[in-house]
Amino acid sequence: MEHFNAASAEDLERTLLACLRSPRWSRRVADHRPYPDLDSLLAAADEAAYDLTWDDLTEALAAEPLPTLPPDTYSAAHTALNAAHAAYEARFGHVFVICLDGVSPSETLDRLLEAIRSRLANDPEEERVVAADELRRLARERLLHALRGAENCAISH
């Protein structure tokens, strides 16, 4: 937490935007420093994510990469996943996001395809809520990863 609280504004902004591409979220998390502990930081990050408008979320979604498959996945799986992504984007107008923290590489393909198929049945408003929650979870995991890396060095990319 020391590195996070003491990081320069530029370094912290770069780190936070790597977690979630929302300037509003980044500013809000940064502006509440110093944080006494990790739980306080994560609670503030979650709260800031919950308060994002749909425009903020759209901006963050536009910068999200598609979930990737393990390198040894067979080509037919890539084709199936690409088709599922295309169907999702056509229906909802944004990239499919999912937090796969804790999912083993051998389960990634099944989990991705299952989630996309399931979420294609959502109405657009319901899917906005799900996508926003997945972005929040992704931001939290990325923030934890950044903090783990900062234990031995200054926050920077």
C-alpha atoms as a PDB file:
ATOM      1  CA  MET A   1       0.000   0.000   0.000  1.00  0.00           C
ATOM      2  CA  GLU A   2       2.921   2.338   0.600  1.00  0.00           C
ATOM      3  CA  HIS A   3       3.880   2.318  -3.082  1.00  0.00           C
ATOM      4  CA  PHE A   4       0.279   2.894  -4.160  1.00  0.00           C
ATOM      5  CA  ASN A   5      -0.251   5.771  -1.756  1.00  0.00           C
ATOM      6  CA  ALA A   6       3.115   7.390  -2.592  1.00  0.00           C
ATOM      7  CA  ALA A   7       3.060   6.898  -6.377  1.00  0.00           C
ATOM      8  CA  SER A   8       3.154   9.987  -8.548  1.00  0.00           C
ATOM      9  CA  ALA A   9      -0.132  11.030 -10.106  1.00  0.00           C
ATOM     10  CA  GLU A  10       1.146  10.045 -13.563  1.00  0.00           C
ATOM     11  CA  ASP A  11       2.324   6.586 -12.493  1.00  0.00           C
ATOM     12  CA  LEU A  12      -0.855   5.936 -10.556  1.00  0.00           C
ATOM     13  CA  GLU A  13      -3.052   7.044 -13.455  1.00  0.00           C
ATOM     14  CA  ARG A  14      -1.161   4.718 -15.812  1.00  0.00           C
ATOM     15  CA  THR A  15      -1.548   1.819 -13.373  1.00  0.00           C
ATOM     16  CA  LEU A  16      -5.234   2.433 -12.731  1.00  0.00           C
ATOM     17  CA  LEU A  17      -6.078   2.888 -16.417  1.00  0.00           C
ATOM     18  CA  ALA A  18      -4.411  -0.468 -17.098  1.00  0.00           C
ATOM     19  CA  CYS A  19      -6.918  -1.954 -14.640  1.00  0.00           C
ATOM     20  CA  LEU A  20      -9.987  -0.262 -16.116  1.00  0.00           C
ATOM     21  CA  ARG A  21      -9.930   2.151 -19.056  1.00  0.00           C
ATOM     22  CA  SER A  22     -12.184   4.678 -17.383  1.00  0.00           C
ATOM     23  CA  PRO A  23     -10.652   8.063 -16.565  1.00  0.00           C
ATOM     24  CA  ARG A  24     -13.531   8.763 -14.170  1.00  0.00           C
ATOM     25  CA  TRP A  25     -12.902   5.532 -12.251  1.00  0.00           C
ATOM     26  CA  SER A  26      -9.147   6.148 -12.220  1.00  0.00           C
ATOM     27  CA  ARG A  27      -9.496   9.706 -10.903  1.00  0.00           C
ATOM     28  CA  ARG A  28     -11.957   8.673  -8.246  1.00  0.00           C
ATOM     29  CA  VAL A  29      -9.754   5.867  -6.931  1.00  0.00           C
ATOM     30  CA  ALA A  30      -6.644   8.073  -7.030  1.00  0.00           C
ATOM     31  CA  ASP A  31      -8.325  11.072  -5.407  1.00  0.00           C
ATOM     32  CA  HIS A  32      -9.185   9.121  -2.265  1.00  0.00           C
ATOM     33  CA  ARG A  33      -5.593   8.309  -1.350  1.00  0.00           C
ATOM     34  CA  PRO A  34      -4.119   7.506   1.048  1.00  0.00           C
ATOM     35  CA  TYR A  35      -5.731   4.147   1.726  1.00  0.00           C
ATOM     36  CA  PRO A  36      -5.057   2.603   5.130  1.00  0.00           C
ATOM     37  CA  ASP A  37      -5.135  -0.971   3.800  1.00  0.00           C
ATOM     38  CA  LEU A  38      -5.902  -3.171   0.818  1.00  0.00           C
ATOM     39  CA  ASP A  39      -9.510  -3.796   1.814  1.00  0.00           C
ATOM     40  CA  SER A  40     -10.188  -0.048   1.862  1.00  0.00           C
ATOM     41  CA  LEU A  41      -8.652   0.380  -1.582  1.00  0.00           C
ATOM     42  CA  LEU A  42     -10.630  -2.525  -3.044  1.00  0.00           C
ATOM     43  CA  ALA A  43     -13.860  -1.230  -1.504  1.00  0.00           C
ATOM     44  CA  ALA A  44     -13.218   2.218  -2.993  1.00  0.00           C
ATOM     45  CA  ALA A  45     -12.412   0.688  -6.401  1.00  0.00           C
ATOM     46  CA  ASP A  46     -15.633  -1.341  -6.312  1.00  0.00           C
ATOM     47  CA  GLU A  47     -17.694   1.673  -5.267  1.00  0.00           C
ATOM     48  CA  ALA A  48     -16.172   3.796  -8.028  1.00  0.00           C
ATOM     49  CA  ALA A  49     -16.978   1.055 -10.559  1.00  0.00           C
ATOM     50  CA  TYR A  50     -20.574   0.755  -9.363  1.00  0.00           C
ATOM     51  CA  ASP A  51     -21.011   4.506  -9.837  1.00  0.00           C
ATOM     52  CA  LEU A  52     -19.909   4.586 -13.478  1.00  0.00           C
ATOM     53  CA  THR A  53     -22.468   5.763 -16.002  1.00  0.00           C
ATOM     54  CA  TRP A  54     -23.246   3.770 -19.127  1.00  0.00           C
ATOM     55  CA  ASP A  55     -21.104   6.262 -21.107  1.00  0.00           C
ATOM     56  CA  ASP A  56     -18.185   5.568 -18.750  1.00  0.00           C
ATOM     57  CA  LEU A  57     -18.710   1.828 -19.124  1.00  0.00           C
ATOM     58  CA  THR A  58     -18.956   2.097 -22.904  1.00  0.00           C
ATOM     59  CA  GLU A  59     -15.623   3.919 -22.929  1.00  0.00           C
ATOM     60  CA  ALA A  60     -14.045   1.194 -20.787  1.00  0.00           C
ATOM     61  CA  LEU A  61     -15.595  -1.597 -22.860  1.00  0.00           C
ATOM     62  CA  ALA A  62     -14.242  -0.077 -26.071  1.00  0.00           C
ATOM     63  CA  ALA A  63     -10.703  -0.503 -24.732  1.00  0.00           C
ATOM     64  CA  GLU A  64     -11.145  -4.077 -23.502  1.00  0.00           C
ATOM     65  CA  PRO A  65      -9.399  -6.855 -25.383  1.00  0.00           C
ATOM     66  CA  LEU A  66     -11.306 -10.001 -26.212  1.00  0.00           C
ATOM     67  CA  PRO A  67     -10.712 -12.867 -23.781  1.00  0.00           C
ATOM     68  CA  THR A  68      -7.960 -15.109 -25.129  1.00  0.00           C
ATOM     69  CA  LEU A  69      -7.655 -18.848 -25.317  1.00  0.00           C
ATOM     70  CA  PRO A  70      -4.644 -20.867 -24.241  1.00  0.00           C
ATOM     71  CA  PRO A  71      -2.130 -21.143 -27.104  1.00  0.00           C
ATOM     72  CA  ASP A  72      -2.614 -24.895 -27.565  1.00  0.00           C
ATOM     73  CA  THR A  73      -6.365 -24.594 -28.232  1.00  0.00           C
ATOM     74  CA  TYR A  74      -7.415 -26.196 -31.496  1.00  0.00           C
ATOM     75  CA  SER A  75      -8.347 -23.952 -34.438  1.00  0.00           C
ATOM     76  CA  ALA A  76     -12.020 -24.987 -34.547  1.00  0.00           C
ATOM     77  CA  ALA A  77     -12.376 -23.606 -31.024  1.00  0.00           C
ATOM     78  CA  HIS A  78     -10.960 -20.274 -32.160  1.00  0.00           C
ATOM     79  CA  THR A  79     -13.463 -20.240 -35.011  1.00  0.00           C
ATOM     80  CA  ALA A  80     -16.355 -21.024 -32.655  1.00  0.00           C
ATOM     81  CA  LEU A  81     -15.251 -18.367 -30.202  1.00  0.00           C
ATOM     82  CA  ASN A  82     -14.804 -15.752 -32.942  1.00  0.00           C
ATOM     83  CA  ALA A  83     -18.332 -16.491 -34.198  1.00  0.00           C
ATOM     84  CA  ALA A  84     -19.714 -16.209 -30.658  1.00  0.00           C
ATOM     85  CA  HIS A  85     -17.904 -12.891 -30.115  1.00  0.00           C
ATOM     86  CA  ALA A  86     -19.274 -11.555 -33.404  1.00  0.00           C
ATOM     87  CA  ALA A  87     -22.830 -12.564 -32.450  1.00  0.00           C
ATOM     88  CA  TYR A  88     -22.426 -10.943 -29.034  1.00  0.00           C
ATOM     89  CA  GLU A  89     -21.059  -7.679 -30.452  1.00  0.00           C
ATOM     90  CA  ALA A  90     -23.810  -7.559 -33.065  1.00  0.00           C
ATOM     91  CA  ARG A  91     -26.459  -7.998 -30.370  1.00  0.00           C
ATOM     92  CA  PHE A  92     -25.073  -5.677 -27.696  1.00  0.00           C
ATOM     93  CA  GLY A  93     -22.763  -3.287 -29.546  1.00  0.00           C
ATOM     94  CA  HIS A  94     -19.710  -3.891 -27.405  1.00  0.00           C
ATOM     95  CA  VAL A  95     -17.046  -6.477 -26.744  1.00  0.00           C
ATOM     96  CA  PHE A  96     -17.794  -9.474 -24.524  1.00  0.00           C
ATOM     97  CA  VAL A  97     -16.048  -9.225 -21.146  1.00  0.00           C
ATOM     98  CA  ILE A  98     -15.663 -11.856 -18.491  1.00  0.00           C
ATOM     99  CA  CYS A  99     -13.424 -12.223 -15.466  1.00  0.00           C
ATOM    100  CA  LEU A 100     -11.838 -15.653 -15.611  1.00  0.00           C
ATOM    101  CA  ASP A 101      -9.829 -15.358 -12.410  1.00  0.00           C
ATOM    102  CA  GLY A 102      -9.401 -18.789 -10.898  1.00  0.00           C
ATOM    103  CA  VAL A 103     -10.393 -20.651 -14.073  1.00  0.00           C
ATOM    104  CA  SER A 104      -7.788 -23.159 -15.160  1.00  0.00           C
ATOM    105  CA  PRO A 105      -6.487 -22.925 -18.746  1.00  0.00           C
ATOM    106  CA  SER A 106      -8.077 -26.282 -19.539  1.00  0.00           C
ATOM    107  CA  GLU A 107     -11.504 -24.876 -18.592  1.00  0.00           C
ATOM    108  CA  THR A 108     -11.142 -21.490 -20.308  1.00  0.00           C
ATOM    109  CA  LEU A 109     -12.726 -22.410 -23.644  1.00  0.00           C
ATOM    110  CA  ASP A 110     -15.720 -24.150 -22.093  1.00  0.00           C
ATOM    111  CA  ARG A 111     -16.274 -21.310 -19.632  1.00  0.00           C
ATOM    112  CA  LEU A 112     -16.044 -18.650 -22.361  1.00  0.00           C
ATOM    113  CA  LEU A 113     -18.407 -20.399 -24.753  1.00  0.00           C
ATOM    114  CA  GLU A 114     -20.874 -21.241 -21.985  1.00  0.00           C
ATOM    115  CA  ALA A 115     -20.891 -17.643 -20.736  1.00  0.00           C
ATOM    116  CA  ILE A 116     -21.292 -16.086 -24.176  1.00  0.00           C
ATOM    117  CA  ARG A 117     -24.127 -18.443 -25.105  1.00  0.00           C
ATOM    118  CA  SER A 118     -25.864 -17.817 -21.811  1.00  0.00           C
ATOM    119  CA  ARG A 119     -25.453 -14.051 -21.955  1.00  0.00           C
ATOM    120  CA  LEU A 120     -26.683 -13.825 -25.562  1.00  0.00           C
ATOM    121  CA  ALA A 121     -30.099 -14.656 -24.095  1.00  0.00           C
ATOM    122  CA  ASN A 122     -30.027 -11.531 -21.910  1.00  0.00           C
ATOM    123  CA  ASP A 123     -31.965  -8.466 -22.909  1.00  0.00           C
ATOM    124  CA  PRO A 124     -29.715  -5.428 -23.523  1.00  0.00           C
ATOM    125  CA  GLU A 125     -30.456  -3.801 -20.175  1.00  0.00           C
ATOM    126  CA  GLU A 126     -29.763  -7.004 -18.252  1.00  0.00           C
ATOM    127  CA  GLU A 127     -26.530  -7.499 -20.185  1.00  0.00           C
ATOM    128  CA  ARG A 128     -25.379  -3.974 -19.325  1.00  0.00           C
ATOM    129  CA  VAL A 129     -25.590  -4.908 -15.656  1.00  0.00           C
ATOM    130  CA  VAL A 130     -23.690  -8.166 -16.222  1.00  0.00           C
ATOM    131  CA  ALA A 131     -21.005  -6.480 -18.372  1.00  0.00           C
ATOM    132  CA  ALA A 132     -20.571  -3.727 -15.770  1.00  0.00           C
ATOM    133  CA  ASP A 133     -20.116  -6.313 -13.027  1.00  0.00           C
ATOM    134  CA  GLU A 134     -17.576  -8.235 -15.111  1.00  0.00           C
ATOM    135  CA  LEU A 135     -15.639  -5.002 -15.728  1.00  0.00           C
ATOM    136  CA  ARG A 136     -15.665  -4.303 -11.985  1.00  0.00           C
ATOM    137  CA  ARG A 137     -14.341  -7.814 -11.286  1.00  0.00           C
ATOM    138  CA  LEU A 138     -11.663  -7.437 -13.975  1.00  0.00           C
ATOM    139  CA  ALA A 139     -10.575  -4.076 -12.547  1.00  0.00           C
ATOM    140  CA  ARG A 140     -10.348  -5.573  -9.058  1.00  0.00           C
ATOM    141  CA  GLU A 141      -8.213  -8.519 -10.240  1.00  0.00           C
ATOM    142  CA  ARG A 142      -5.958  -6.273 -12.303  1.00  0.00           C
ATOM    143  CA  LEU A 143      -5.544  -3.916  -9.364  1.00  0.00           C
ATOM    144  CA  LEU A 144      -4.599  -6.806  -7.089  1.00  0.00           C
ATOM    145  CA  HIS A 145      -2.095  -7.996  -9.691  1.00  0.00           C
ATOM    146  CA  ALA A 146      -0.602  -4.495  -9.992  1.00  0.00           C
ATOM    147  CA  LEU A 147      -0.292  -4.213  -6.225  1.00  0.00           C
ATOM    148  CA  ARG A 148       1.419  -7.602  -5.969  1.00  0.00           C
ATOM    149  CA  GLY A 149       3.935  -6.413  -8.565  1.00  0.00           C
ATOM    150  CA  ALA A 150       4.425  -3.173  -6.664  1.00  0.00           C
ATOM    151  CA  GLU A 151       5.485  -4.933  -3.482  1.00  0.00           C
ATOM    152  CA  ASN A 152       9.004  -5.189  -4.906  1.00  0.00           C
ATOM    153  CA  CYS A 153       9.099  -2.072  -7.077  1.00  0.00           C
ATOM    154  CA  ALA A 154       7.429   1.274  -7.581  1.00  0.00           C
ATOM    155  CA  ILE A 155       4.047   1.373  -9.299  1.00  0.00           C
ATOM    156  CA  SER A 156       4.771   1.905 -12.952  1.00  0.00           C
ATOM    157  CA  HIS A 157       4.345   0.162 -16.282  1.00  0.00           C
END
